[in-house]
Structures are given as structure tokens and as C-alpha cells.
Amino acid sequence: MSDSDATPEQPEQPPAAPAAPSTPSTSAPAASTAGVKLSTGQIVLLASAAVIFICSFFSWIHASVSGTGGLGGAGDSANGWHHMGGLVAILAVVLLVVAGAQIAKVLPLGDAMNNLVVAGLAALTLLLGIINVIVWLTDSHLGTTKTFGVSVSVSLSFGFYIGVLALIALAYAVFDMVKSGDVLNTAKGLQNNS
């Protein structure tokens, strides 16, 4: 083999420029998890149930006592677990678990029956929450009383007001579920089968 038969060496090519980083797609809906699109009612239901549970640990009522003659004063508060609040908080957690299982499609019932179960549980939580609010308003001796130079003041705290707002949001979620038609149609179907 002669030197003329050999192929001439080619000069080395410089390495290619790195590819531009890809930009993330913004076409996915904001309220979706693992391909599941959540309705506004479902989002409100989950958020309000979580807020009901969390605000049950906040102060719902505050009482303060102030005396005369250098006796000073004292104060105390109660959280939302008093009266029926503990039951409402536990129902809110159960509602979160059941609604989450419905969204994840792991409940053993059909979609329509799952909607009925979640709506019923949400309505029960709402009803007991409203009763709890009425009990707090009527049984708490709100206001200021002054006897023998000692002043006792009882007032609602921020936890109560957050709880009421969360109950209003839960009422919207229940209304939205009933308005969608699945709940009423399933209930009518069950009534016709019996």
C-alpha cells in the first residue's frame, strides 16, 4: 500500500454547541393532579374541610377577668374542640380522606354513588358545624358583666370567625355537588329501586 492510496486525515471538527434547554409546557390545567381535573366545588370542598380541621385548634372564645384594688386580672380561651366542635373536626378529616379517595378513584362504589357518599358526608359536616356555631353563640355568655368590682368579659375569637367562613365555603361546595345533578340522580335511582 502506498502513501498515495491512504485517505487524507480530516481536521477535527469542533464540538457542537449544547442544545438550548426546553421550556416547561404551560398548557396543563392549574387544578389537576396526576391527570385528574378538579372542579371548583371539589377544590372548595377539600380546602374548606382542611380549614375547618385546622381552625378547630385555634382560640374560638376568650374570657378575661379584671378585678379592682390591685387584684390584677386573668384570662383564658377555649379552642374549637369544645361543645360539638371535636365531632365536626373529626368529620372534616373523614371528609378529606373520603373526598381524596374519590378523586384518586380508589373508592369501591361507582362514580355516582361516590358523589352521593361525599355529598352526604359534606352535608352532615355542614349541619353539625352550623349546630356547633349556634351552640357557641347561645351558650357562651358573650358580653361583659361587672359584679362587686370584678369585670368578666367573654368574646368570640378569630378561630370562630374562620370556622364560620369555612362552613360557608363548605355550603357552597355541597350546593355545587347537588347542582351538578349526579347526587340527585343517584338518590332518585336509589329511591326507585327500593
Protein backbone atom coordinates (compact mmCIF):
# COMPACT_ATOMS: atom_id res chain seq x y z
CA MET A 1 0.00 0.00 0.00
CA SER A 2 1.46 3.31 -0.94
CA ASP A 3 1.14 6.66 0.77
CA SER A 4 -0.95 7.99 -2.10
CA ASP A 5 -3.65 5.34 -1.55
CA ALA A 6 -4.25 6.39 2.04
CA THR A 7 -7.08 8.77 2.68
CA PRO A 8 -6.03 12.14 3.88
CA GLU A 9 -6.78 12.84 7.50
CA GLN A 10 -9.57 15.26 8.07
CA PRO A 11 -9.12 18.02 10.61
CA GLU A 12 -11.08 17.54 13.83
CA GLN A 13 -14.46 19.24 13.94
CA PRO A 14 -15.17 21.50 16.95
CA PRO A 15 -17.79 20.05 19.32
CA ALA A 16 -21.39 21.01 18.62
CA ALA A 17 -22.97 23.74 20.74
CA PRO A 18 -25.15 22.42 23.56
CA ALA A 19 -28.89 22.36 22.87
CA ALA A 20 -31.00 25.11 24.38
CA PRO A 21 -32.88 24.00 27.48
CA SER A 22 -36.51 23.19 26.83
CA THR A 23 -39.13 25.39 28.41
CA PRO A 24 -41.83 23.72 30.51
CA SER A 25 -45.25 23.46 28.96
CA THR A 26 -47.88 25.75 30.41
CA SER A 27 -50.83 24.04 28.77
CA ALA A 28 -51.61 21.78 31.77
CA PRO A 29 -54.57 22.95 33.87
CA ALA A 30 -53.63 24.53 37.18
CA ALA A 31 -56.09 22.46 39.20
CA SER A 32 -55.10 18.97 38.15
CA THR A 33 -53.27 16.23 39.94
CA ALA A 34 -51.88 13.23 38.06
CA GLY A 35 -54.18 13.85 35.11
CA VAL A 36 -57.30 14.37 37.26
CA LYS A 37 -59.04 17.69 36.69
CA LEU A 38 -60.67 19.02 39.83
CA SER A 39 -63.85 21.06 39.70
CA THR A 40 -64.21 24.30 41.62
CA GLY A 41 -66.60 22.56 44.01
CA GLN A 42 -64.06 19.81 44.74
CA ILE A 43 -61.31 22.34 45.38
CA VAL A 44 -63.57 24.34 47.71
CA LEU A 45 -64.69 21.14 49.46
CA LEU A 46 -61.12 20.00 50.13
CA ALA A 47 -59.93 23.45 51.19
CA SER A 48 -62.89 24.14 53.48
CA ALA A 49 -62.65 20.73 55.17
CA ALA A 50 -58.93 21.31 55.79
CA VAL A 51 -59.59 24.80 57.18
CA ILE A 52 -62.37 23.50 59.45
CA PHE A 53 -59.98 20.94 60.93
CA ILE A 54 -57.05 23.35 61.28
CA CYS A 55 -59.07 26.22 62.79
CA SER A 56 -60.54 23.85 65.38
CA PHE A 57 -57.20 24.17 67.19
CA PHE A 58 -57.39 27.98 67.24
CA SER A 59 -58.99 30.02 70.00
CA TRP A 60 -62.76 30.24 69.50
CA ILE A 61 -63.69 32.13 72.64
CA HIS A 62 -61.77 34.29 75.08
CA ALA A 63 -62.71 35.20 78.64
CA SER A 64 -60.92 37.75 80.78
CA VAL A 65 -61.42 38.72 84.40
CA SER A 66 -60.21 42.00 85.82
CA GLY A 67 -60.51 42.97 89.45
CA THR A 68 -60.18 46.13 91.48
CA GLY A 69 -57.88 47.07 94.27
CA GLY A 70 -54.74 45.65 92.69
CA LEU A 71 -56.14 42.15 92.24
CA GLY A 72 -55.00 42.19 88.63
CA GLY A 73 -56.70 40.02 86.09
CA ALA A 74 -56.71 36.70 84.37
CA GLY A 75 -57.74 35.36 81.02
CA ASP A 76 -58.41 32.06 79.31
CA SER A 77 -59.57 30.79 75.97
CA ALA A 78 -61.15 27.67 74.53
CA ASN A 79 -60.50 26.13 71.14
CA GLY A 80 -62.98 24.69 68.69
CA TRP A 81 -62.92 21.21 70.21
CA HIS A 82 -65.39 22.24 72.92
CA HIS A 83 -69.11 21.56 72.58
CA MET A 84 -69.62 19.62 69.32
CA GLY A 85 -66.51 21.06 67.66
CA GLY A 86 -64.46 17.90 68.14
CA LEU A 87 -67.03 15.86 66.24
CA VAL A 88 -67.12 18.43 63.44
CA ALA A 89 -63.30 18.44 63.22
CA ILE A 90 -63.18 14.63 63.02
CA LEU A 91 -65.89 14.62 60.35
CA ALA A 92 -63.85 17.18 58.39
CA VAL A 93 -60.86 14.81 58.43
CA VAL A 94 -63.05 11.87 57.34
CA LEU A 95 -64.46 14.10 54.58
CA LEU A 96 -60.92 14.95 53.41
CA VAL A 97 -59.97 11.25 53.29
CA VAL A 98 -63.14 10.12 51.50
CA ALA A 99 -63.11 13.02 49.01
CA GLY A 100 -59.41 12.39 48.34
CA ALA A 101 -60.13 8.70 47.77
CA GLN A 102 -62.94 9.64 45.40
CA ILE A 103 -60.65 11.93 43.41
CA ALA A 104 -57.97 9.21 43.31
CA LYS A 105 -60.69 6.79 42.13
CA VAL A 106 -59.99 4.22 44.85
CA LEU A 107 -63.47 4.09 46.41
CA PRO A 108 -65.14 0.77 45.61
CA LEU A 109 -68.50 2.26 44.61
CA GLY A 110 -69.39 3.68 41.21
CA ASP A 111 -68.77 7.34 40.41
CA ALA A 112 -72.37 8.40 41.01
CA MET A 113 -72.57 6.57 44.36
CA ASN A 114 -69.18 8.02 45.39
CA ASN A 115 -70.54 11.52 44.70
CA LEU A 116 -73.56 10.73 46.87
CA VAL A 117 -71.37 9.49 49.74
CA VAL A 118 -69.09 12.56 49.60
CA ALA A 119 -72.08 14.94 49.34
CA GLY A 120 -73.81 13.23 52.27
CA LEU A 121 -70.68 13.38 54.42
CA ALA A 122 -70.14 17.04 53.49
CA ALA A 123 -73.78 17.85 54.28
CA LEU A 124 -73.51 16.10 57.67
CA THR A 125 -70.31 18.02 58.47
CA LEU A 126 -72.03 21.26 57.45
CA LEU A 127 -75.16 20.54 59.51
CA LEU A 128 -73.23 19.67 62.67
CA GLY A 129 -70.95 22.67 62.07
CA ILE A 130 -73.94 25.01 61.92
CA ILE A 131 -75.38 23.48 65.10
CA ASN A 132 -71.97 23.93 66.76
CA VAL A 133 -71.88 27.61 65.77
CA ILE A 134 -75.38 28.13 67.19
CA VAL A 135 -74.31 26.43 70.45
CA TRP A 136 -71.24 28.68 70.68
CA LEU A 137 -73.36 31.77 70.13
CA THR A 138 -76.08 30.86 72.63
CA ASP A 139 -74.12 29.09 75.37
CA SER A 140 -71.05 31.27 75.69
CA HIS A 141 -72.40 34.11 77.88
CA LEU A 142 -70.97 36.68 75.48
CA GLY A 143 -70.51 40.23 76.71
CA THR A 144 -69.20 41.94 79.82
CA THR A 145 -70.53 41.52 83.32
CA LYS A 146 -69.47 43.58 86.31
CA THR A 147 -70.21 42.36 89.82
CA PHE A 148 -68.67 43.60 93.10
CA GLY A 149 -65.89 45.39 91.26
CA VAL A 150 -64.91 42.34 89.22
CA SER A 151 -65.40 42.57 85.47
CA VAL A 152 -65.81 39.42 83.36
CA SER A 153 -65.62 39.81 79.60
CA VAL A 154 -66.38 36.96 77.19
CA SER A 155 -65.87 37.37 73.42
CA LEU A 156 -65.54 35.25 70.31
CA SER A 157 -62.03 34.84 68.94
CA PHE A 158 -60.63 34.64 65.42
CA GLY A 159 -60.90 30.81 65.23
CA PHE A 160 -64.68 31.08 65.47
CA TYR A 161 -64.88 33.52 62.56
CA ILE A 162 -62.52 31.45 60.38
CA GLY A 163 -64.64 28.38 61.16
CA VAL A 164 -67.80 30.20 60.12
CA LEU A 165 -66.20 31.27 56.83
CA ALA A 166 -65.06 27.68 56.20
CA LEU A 167 -68.62 26.45 56.83
CA ILE A 168 -69.93 28.98 54.30
CA ALA A 169 -67.40 27.65 51.77
CA LEU A 170 -68.44 24.07 52.57
CA ALA A 171 -72.08 25.06 51.99
CA TYR A 172 -71.07 26.31 48.52
CA ALA A 173 -69.29 23.00 47.81
CA VAL A 174 -72.33 20.95 48.85
CA PHE A 175 -74.58 23.17 46.71
CA ASP A 176 -72.20 22.75 43.76
CA MET A 177 -72.24 18.96 44.14
CA VAL A 178 -76.03 18.85 44.29
CA LYS A 179 -76.34 21.29 41.38
CA SER A 180 -74.17 19.05 39.18
CA GLY A 181 -77.04 16.55 39.06
CA ASP A 182 -75.12 13.37 39.92
CA VAL A 183 -76.16 13.45 43.55
CA LEU A 184 -79.87 13.97 42.90
CA ASN A 185 -79.99 11.44 40.06
CA THR A 186 -78.28 8.80 42.20
CA ALA A 187 -80.62 9.49 45.12
CA LYS A 188 -83.66 9.23 42.82
CA GLY A 189 -82.30 5.98 41.39
CA LEU A 190 -81.89 4.53 44.88
CA GLN A 191 -85.41 5.65 45.79
CA ASN A 192 -86.86 3.96 42.68
CA ASN A 193 -85.00 0.69 43.43
CA SER A 194 -86.49 0.40 46.91
